[in-house]
N, C-alpha and C. Protein backbone atom coordinates (compact mmCIF):
# COMPACT_ATOMS: atom_id res chain seq x y z
N MET A 1 -14.35 28.45 38.98
CA MET A 1 -13.23 28.46 39.90
C MET A 1 -11.95 28.33 39.08
N PRO A 2 -10.96 29.21 39.32
CA PRO A 2 -9.73 29.17 38.55
C PRO A 2 -8.86 27.98 38.97
N GLU A 3 -8.01 27.51 38.04
CA GLU A 3 -6.99 26.53 38.40
C GLU A 3 -5.93 27.27 39.21
N CYS A 4 -5.63 26.75 40.39
CA CYS A 4 -4.67 27.42 41.26
C CYS A 4 -3.45 26.56 41.49
N CYS A 5 -2.39 27.20 41.95
CA CYS A 5 -1.18 26.47 42.29
C CYS A 5 -0.47 27.19 43.43
N GLN A 6 0.44 26.45 44.04
CA GLN A 6 1.29 27.01 45.07
C GLN A 6 2.71 27.00 44.52
N VAL A 7 3.39 28.12 44.66
CA VAL A 7 4.77 28.24 44.20
C VAL A 7 5.63 28.46 45.43
N SER A 8 6.71 27.70 45.55
CA SER A 8 7.58 27.84 46.72
C SER A 8 8.99 28.20 46.31
N THR A 9 9.65 28.91 47.21
CA THR A 9 11.06 29.23 47.05
C THR A 9 11.68 29.34 48.43
N THR A 10 13.00 29.22 48.48
CA THR A 10 13.74 29.49 49.71
C THR A 10 14.70 30.63 49.44
N ILE A 11 15.01 31.36 50.52
CA ILE A 11 15.87 32.54 50.37
C ILE A 11 16.63 32.76 51.67
N ASP A 12 17.67 33.58 51.63
CA ASP A 12 18.66 33.66 52.70
C ASP A 12 18.35 34.55 53.89
N SER A 13 17.27 35.32 53.90
CA SER A 13 16.99 36.17 55.05
C SER A 13 15.49 36.44 55.17
N PRO A 14 15.03 36.73 56.39
CA PRO A 14 13.61 37.05 56.54
C PRO A 14 13.22 38.33 55.81
N GLU A 15 14.14 39.28 55.74
CA GLU A 15 13.85 40.52 55.04
C GLU A 15 13.67 40.28 53.54
N SER A 16 14.54 39.46 52.96
CA SER A 16 14.43 39.14 51.53
C SER A 16 13.16 38.35 51.26
N ALA A 17 12.80 37.44 52.16
CA ALA A 17 11.57 36.66 52.00
C ALA A 17 10.35 37.57 52.03
N ALA A 18 10.32 38.49 52.98
CA ALA A 18 9.19 39.42 53.08
C ALA A 18 9.11 40.32 51.85
N GLU A 19 10.24 40.74 51.33
CA GLU A 19 10.28 41.59 50.13
C GLU A 19 9.75 40.83 48.91
N LEU A 20 10.17 39.57 48.75
CA LEU A 20 9.65 38.76 47.65
C LEU A 20 8.14 38.62 47.74
N ALA A 21 7.64 38.33 48.94
CA ALA A 21 6.20 38.16 49.13
C ALA A 21 5.46 39.46 48.82
N ARG A 22 5.95 40.57 49.37
CA ARG A 22 5.28 41.86 49.20
C ARG A 22 5.25 42.29 47.74
N THR A 23 6.38 42.17 47.05
CA THR A 23 6.42 42.64 45.66
C THR A 23 5.60 41.74 44.74
N ALA A 24 5.53 40.46 45.03
CA ALA A 24 4.71 39.55 44.21
C ALA A 24 3.24 39.88 44.36
N VAL A 25 2.81 40.17 45.58
CA VAL A 25 1.40 40.54 45.80
C VAL A 25 1.12 41.89 45.16
N GLU A 26 2.03 42.84 45.32
CA GLU A 26 1.84 44.16 44.68
C GLU A 26 1.74 44.04 43.16
N ALA A 27 2.51 43.14 42.57
CA ALA A 27 2.51 42.95 41.12
C ALA A 27 1.33 42.10 40.64
N ARG A 28 0.54 41.59 41.57
CA ARG A 28 -0.63 40.76 41.29
C ARG A 28 -0.28 39.44 40.61
N VAL A 29 0.96 38.97 40.82
CA VAL A 29 1.32 37.64 40.34
C VAL A 29 1.09 36.59 41.42
N ALA A 30 0.80 37.03 42.64
CA ALA A 30 0.43 36.14 43.74
C ALA A 30 -0.65 36.83 44.56
N ALA A 31 -1.58 36.03 45.07
CA ALA A 31 -2.61 36.57 45.96
C ALA A 31 -2.07 36.75 47.37
N CYS A 32 -1.14 35.88 47.76
CA CYS A 32 -0.50 36.02 49.06
C CYS A 32 0.84 35.29 49.03
N GLY A 33 1.68 35.64 49.97
CA GLY A 33 2.96 34.97 50.17
C GLY A 33 3.14 34.77 51.65
N GLN A 34 3.43 33.55 52.05
CA GLN A 34 3.61 33.22 53.46
C GLN A 34 5.07 32.90 53.70
N VAL A 35 5.66 33.55 54.71
CA VAL A 35 7.07 33.36 55.05
C VAL A 35 7.14 32.41 56.24
N ILE A 36 7.92 31.35 56.08
CA ILE A 36 8.07 30.34 57.11
C ILE A 36 9.56 30.19 57.40
N GLY A 37 9.91 30.17 58.66
CA GLY A 37 11.32 29.92 58.97
C GLY A 37 11.75 30.55 60.26
N PRO A 38 12.98 30.36 60.54
CA PRO A 38 14.00 29.81 59.66
C PRO A 38 13.89 28.29 59.53
N ILE A 39 14.46 27.79 58.43
CA ILE A 39 14.61 26.36 58.19
C ILE A 39 16.08 26.11 57.90
N ASP A 40 16.53 24.91 58.18
CA ASP A 40 17.91 24.53 57.89
C ASP A 40 17.92 23.62 56.68
N SER A 41 18.61 24.03 55.63
CA SER A 41 18.67 23.26 54.40
C SER A 41 20.04 22.60 54.27
N VAL A 42 20.03 21.37 53.79
CA VAL A 42 21.26 20.63 53.47
C VAL A 42 21.16 20.27 52.00
N TYR A 43 22.22 20.54 51.24
CA TYR A 43 22.15 20.38 49.79
C TYR A 43 23.55 20.15 49.22
N ARG A 44 23.59 19.65 48.01
CA ARG A 44 24.86 19.51 47.29
C ARG A 44 24.95 20.68 46.31
N TRP A 45 26.07 21.38 46.33
CA TRP A 45 26.28 22.51 45.43
C TRP A 45 27.74 22.53 45.04
N GLU A 46 27.98 22.60 43.74
CA GLU A 46 29.33 22.67 43.19
C GLU A 46 30.21 21.56 43.73
N GLY A 47 29.63 20.34 43.81
CA GLY A 47 30.41 19.15 44.15
C GLY A 47 30.60 18.86 45.62
N ARG A 48 30.00 19.66 46.49
CA ARG A 48 30.17 19.37 47.92
C ARG A 48 28.84 19.55 48.66
N VAL A 49 28.75 18.88 49.78
CA VAL A 49 27.55 19.00 50.61
C VAL A 49 27.71 20.24 51.48
N ASP A 50 26.67 21.05 51.52
CA ASP A 50 26.70 22.31 52.27
C ASP A 50 25.39 22.44 53.04
N SER A 51 25.31 23.44 53.85
CA SER A 51 24.07 23.72 54.58
C SER A 51 23.92 25.22 54.75
N ALA A 52 22.67 25.64 54.96
CA ALA A 52 22.40 27.07 55.13
C ALA A 52 21.10 27.25 55.89
N ARG A 53 21.00 28.34 56.58
CA ARG A 53 19.75 28.76 57.21
C ARG A 53 18.99 29.55 56.16
N GLU A 54 17.73 29.18 55.93
CA GLU A 54 16.92 29.82 54.89
C GLU A 54 15.51 30.07 55.41
N TRP A 55 14.75 30.82 54.60
CA TRP A 55 13.34 31.07 54.86
C TRP A 55 12.57 30.60 53.64
N LEU A 56 11.45 29.92 53.90
CA LEU A 56 10.60 29.38 52.85
C LEU A 56 9.48 30.38 52.59
N VAL A 57 9.21 30.64 51.33
CA VAL A 57 8.08 31.49 50.97
C VAL A 57 7.13 30.65 50.12
N LEU A 58 5.86 30.58 50.55
CA LEU A 58 4.81 29.87 49.83
C LEU A 58 3.88 30.91 49.23
N PHE A 59 3.77 30.89 47.92
CA PHE A 59 2.91 31.82 47.20
C PHE A 59 1.67 31.09 46.71
N LYS A 60 0.52 31.77 46.71
CA LYS A 60 -0.71 31.24 46.12
C LYS A 60 -1.00 32.06 44.87
N THR A 61 -1.22 31.37 43.75
CA THR A 61 -1.50 32.05 42.49
C THR A 61 -2.36 31.15 41.61
N THR A 62 -2.65 31.63 40.43
CA THR A 62 -3.39 30.81 39.46
C THR A 62 -2.40 30.18 38.49
N ALA A 63 -2.84 29.11 37.84
CA ALA A 63 -2.00 28.47 36.83
C ALA A 63 -1.66 29.47 35.73
N GLU A 64 -2.61 30.33 35.42
CA GLU A 64 -2.41 31.35 34.37
C GLU A 64 -1.31 32.34 34.73
N ARG A 65 -1.15 32.65 36.02
CA ARG A 65 -0.17 33.65 36.46
C ARG A 65 1.13 33.04 36.99
N ALA A 66 1.21 31.69 37.02
CA ALA A 66 2.36 31.03 37.63
C ALA A 66 3.67 31.37 36.92
N ASP A 67 3.70 31.37 35.60
CA ASP A 67 4.93 31.69 34.88
C ASP A 67 5.41 33.11 35.19
N ALA A 68 4.48 34.05 35.28
CA ALA A 68 4.85 35.43 35.61
C ALA A 68 5.40 35.50 37.03
N LEU A 69 4.83 34.72 37.95
CA LEU A 69 5.34 34.69 39.33
C LEU A 69 6.75 34.10 39.36
N VAL A 70 6.96 33.01 38.64
CA VAL A 70 8.30 32.40 38.59
C VAL A 70 9.32 33.41 38.07
N GLU A 71 8.99 34.13 37.03
CA GLU A 71 9.91 35.14 36.49
C GLU A 71 10.13 36.28 37.49
N HIS A 72 9.09 36.67 38.21
CA HIS A 72 9.22 37.70 39.24
C HIS A 72 10.22 37.26 40.30
N ILE A 73 10.06 36.03 40.79
CA ILE A 73 10.96 35.49 41.81
C ILE A 73 12.39 35.44 41.27
N ARG A 74 12.56 34.87 40.08
CA ARG A 74 13.91 34.74 39.50
C ARG A 74 14.57 36.11 39.31
N GLY A 75 13.78 37.13 38.98
CA GLY A 75 14.34 38.45 38.75
C GLY A 75 14.84 39.14 40.01
N LEU A 76 14.28 38.78 41.16
CA LEU A 76 14.66 39.43 42.42
C LEU A 76 15.53 38.55 43.32
N HIS A 77 15.65 37.29 42.99
CA HIS A 77 16.31 36.33 43.88
C HIS A 77 17.82 36.47 43.81
N PRO A 78 18.52 36.43 44.96
CA PRO A 78 19.97 36.59 44.95
C PRO A 78 20.75 35.32 44.60
N TYR A 79 20.13 34.15 44.59
CA TYR A 79 20.84 32.91 44.32
C TYR A 79 21.10 32.74 42.82
N ASP A 80 22.20 32.07 42.48
CA ASP A 80 22.49 31.76 41.08
C ASP A 80 21.42 30.84 40.49
N VAL A 81 21.00 29.84 41.26
CA VAL A 81 20.00 28.88 40.83
C VAL A 81 18.96 28.75 41.94
N PRO A 82 18.00 29.67 42.01
CA PRO A 82 17.03 29.61 43.10
C PRO A 82 16.07 28.43 42.96
N GLU A 83 15.72 27.86 44.08
CA GLU A 83 14.65 26.87 44.11
C GLU A 83 13.34 27.60 43.83
N VAL A 84 12.65 27.19 42.79
CA VAL A 84 11.30 27.69 42.51
C VAL A 84 10.51 26.48 42.01
N ILE A 85 9.52 26.06 42.80
CA ILE A 85 8.76 24.86 42.48
C ILE A 85 7.28 25.23 42.44
N THR A 86 6.60 24.82 41.38
CA THR A 86 5.17 25.06 41.22
C THR A 86 4.43 23.74 41.42
N THR A 87 3.43 23.76 42.31
CA THR A 87 2.65 22.57 42.62
C THR A 87 1.18 22.89 42.38
N PRO A 88 0.49 22.08 41.56
CA PRO A 88 -0.94 22.33 41.32
C PRO A 88 -1.76 22.12 42.60
N VAL A 89 -2.78 22.92 42.76
CA VAL A 89 -3.75 22.74 43.84
C VAL A 89 -4.91 21.95 43.23
N THR A 90 -5.20 20.80 43.80
CA THR A 90 -6.23 19.93 43.22
C THR A 90 -7.58 20.07 43.92
N GLY A 91 -7.65 20.87 44.96
CA GLY A 91 -8.91 21.09 45.65
C GLY A 91 -8.72 22.11 46.75
N GLY A 92 -9.82 22.45 47.40
CA GLY A 92 -9.74 23.40 48.50
C GLY A 92 -11.05 24.15 48.66
N ASN A 93 -11.02 25.14 49.50
CA ASN A 93 -12.18 25.99 49.76
C ASN A 93 -12.50 26.79 48.49
N PRO A 94 -13.65 26.54 47.85
CA PRO A 94 -13.96 27.25 46.60
C PRO A 94 -13.90 28.77 46.74
N ALA A 95 -14.32 29.31 47.87
CA ALA A 95 -14.27 30.77 48.06
C ALA A 95 -12.83 31.26 48.11
N TYR A 96 -11.95 30.50 48.75
CA TYR A 96 -10.53 30.89 48.82
C TYR A 96 -9.89 30.82 47.43
N LEU A 97 -10.18 29.76 46.69
CA LEU A 97 -9.62 29.62 45.35
C LEU A 97 -10.13 30.72 44.42
N ALA A 98 -11.38 31.10 44.58
CA ALA A 98 -11.92 32.22 43.79
C ALA A 98 -11.21 33.52 44.16
N TRP A 99 -10.93 33.70 45.46
CA TRP A 99 -10.21 34.89 45.92
C TRP A 99 -8.83 34.96 45.27
N ILE A 100 -8.13 33.83 45.18
CA ILE A 100 -6.82 33.80 44.52
C ILE A 100 -6.96 34.30 43.08
N GLY A 101 -7.98 33.80 42.39
CA GLY A 101 -8.21 34.23 41.02
C GLY A 101 -8.47 35.73 40.91
N GLU A 102 -9.26 36.24 41.84
CA GLU A 102 -9.59 37.68 41.80
C GLU A 102 -8.37 38.54 42.09
N GLU A 103 -7.57 38.15 43.05
CA GLU A 103 -6.43 38.97 43.47
C GLU A 103 -5.24 38.91 42.52
N THR A 104 -5.22 37.94 41.63
CA THR A 104 -4.12 37.85 40.66
C THR A 104 -4.52 38.29 39.28
N ARG A 105 -5.74 38.72 39.13
CA ARG A 105 -6.21 39.20 37.82
C ARG A 105 -5.54 40.54 37.53
N PRO A 106 -4.86 40.66 36.40
CA PRO A 106 -4.23 41.95 36.06
C PRO A 106 -5.28 43.06 35.97
N ARG A 107 -4.93 44.21 36.44
CA ARG A 107 -5.84 45.38 36.40
C ARG A 107 -5.46 46.28 35.27
């Protein structure tokens, strides 16, 4: 069973979120991308508190492919400093985790 992780990011529109998910799966750096939202984010940026409506994208990938996925997201993301967080998966359905490994294997 491969070591898996979940990578998350937020982005400014449902269309951009869907595009990030689709291109990551096509590039085989993620087995799937789930778009959740809208969500309301509150954050400090450039010295002031701000807020924005965003969409969360959760990607499933392997630890081996996580760096490539992060670079994929950063390359397409419109934000100056996009949120990209990688979280290890410590357990789960063995068949699902194997599927993640299979779908992210470079061809």
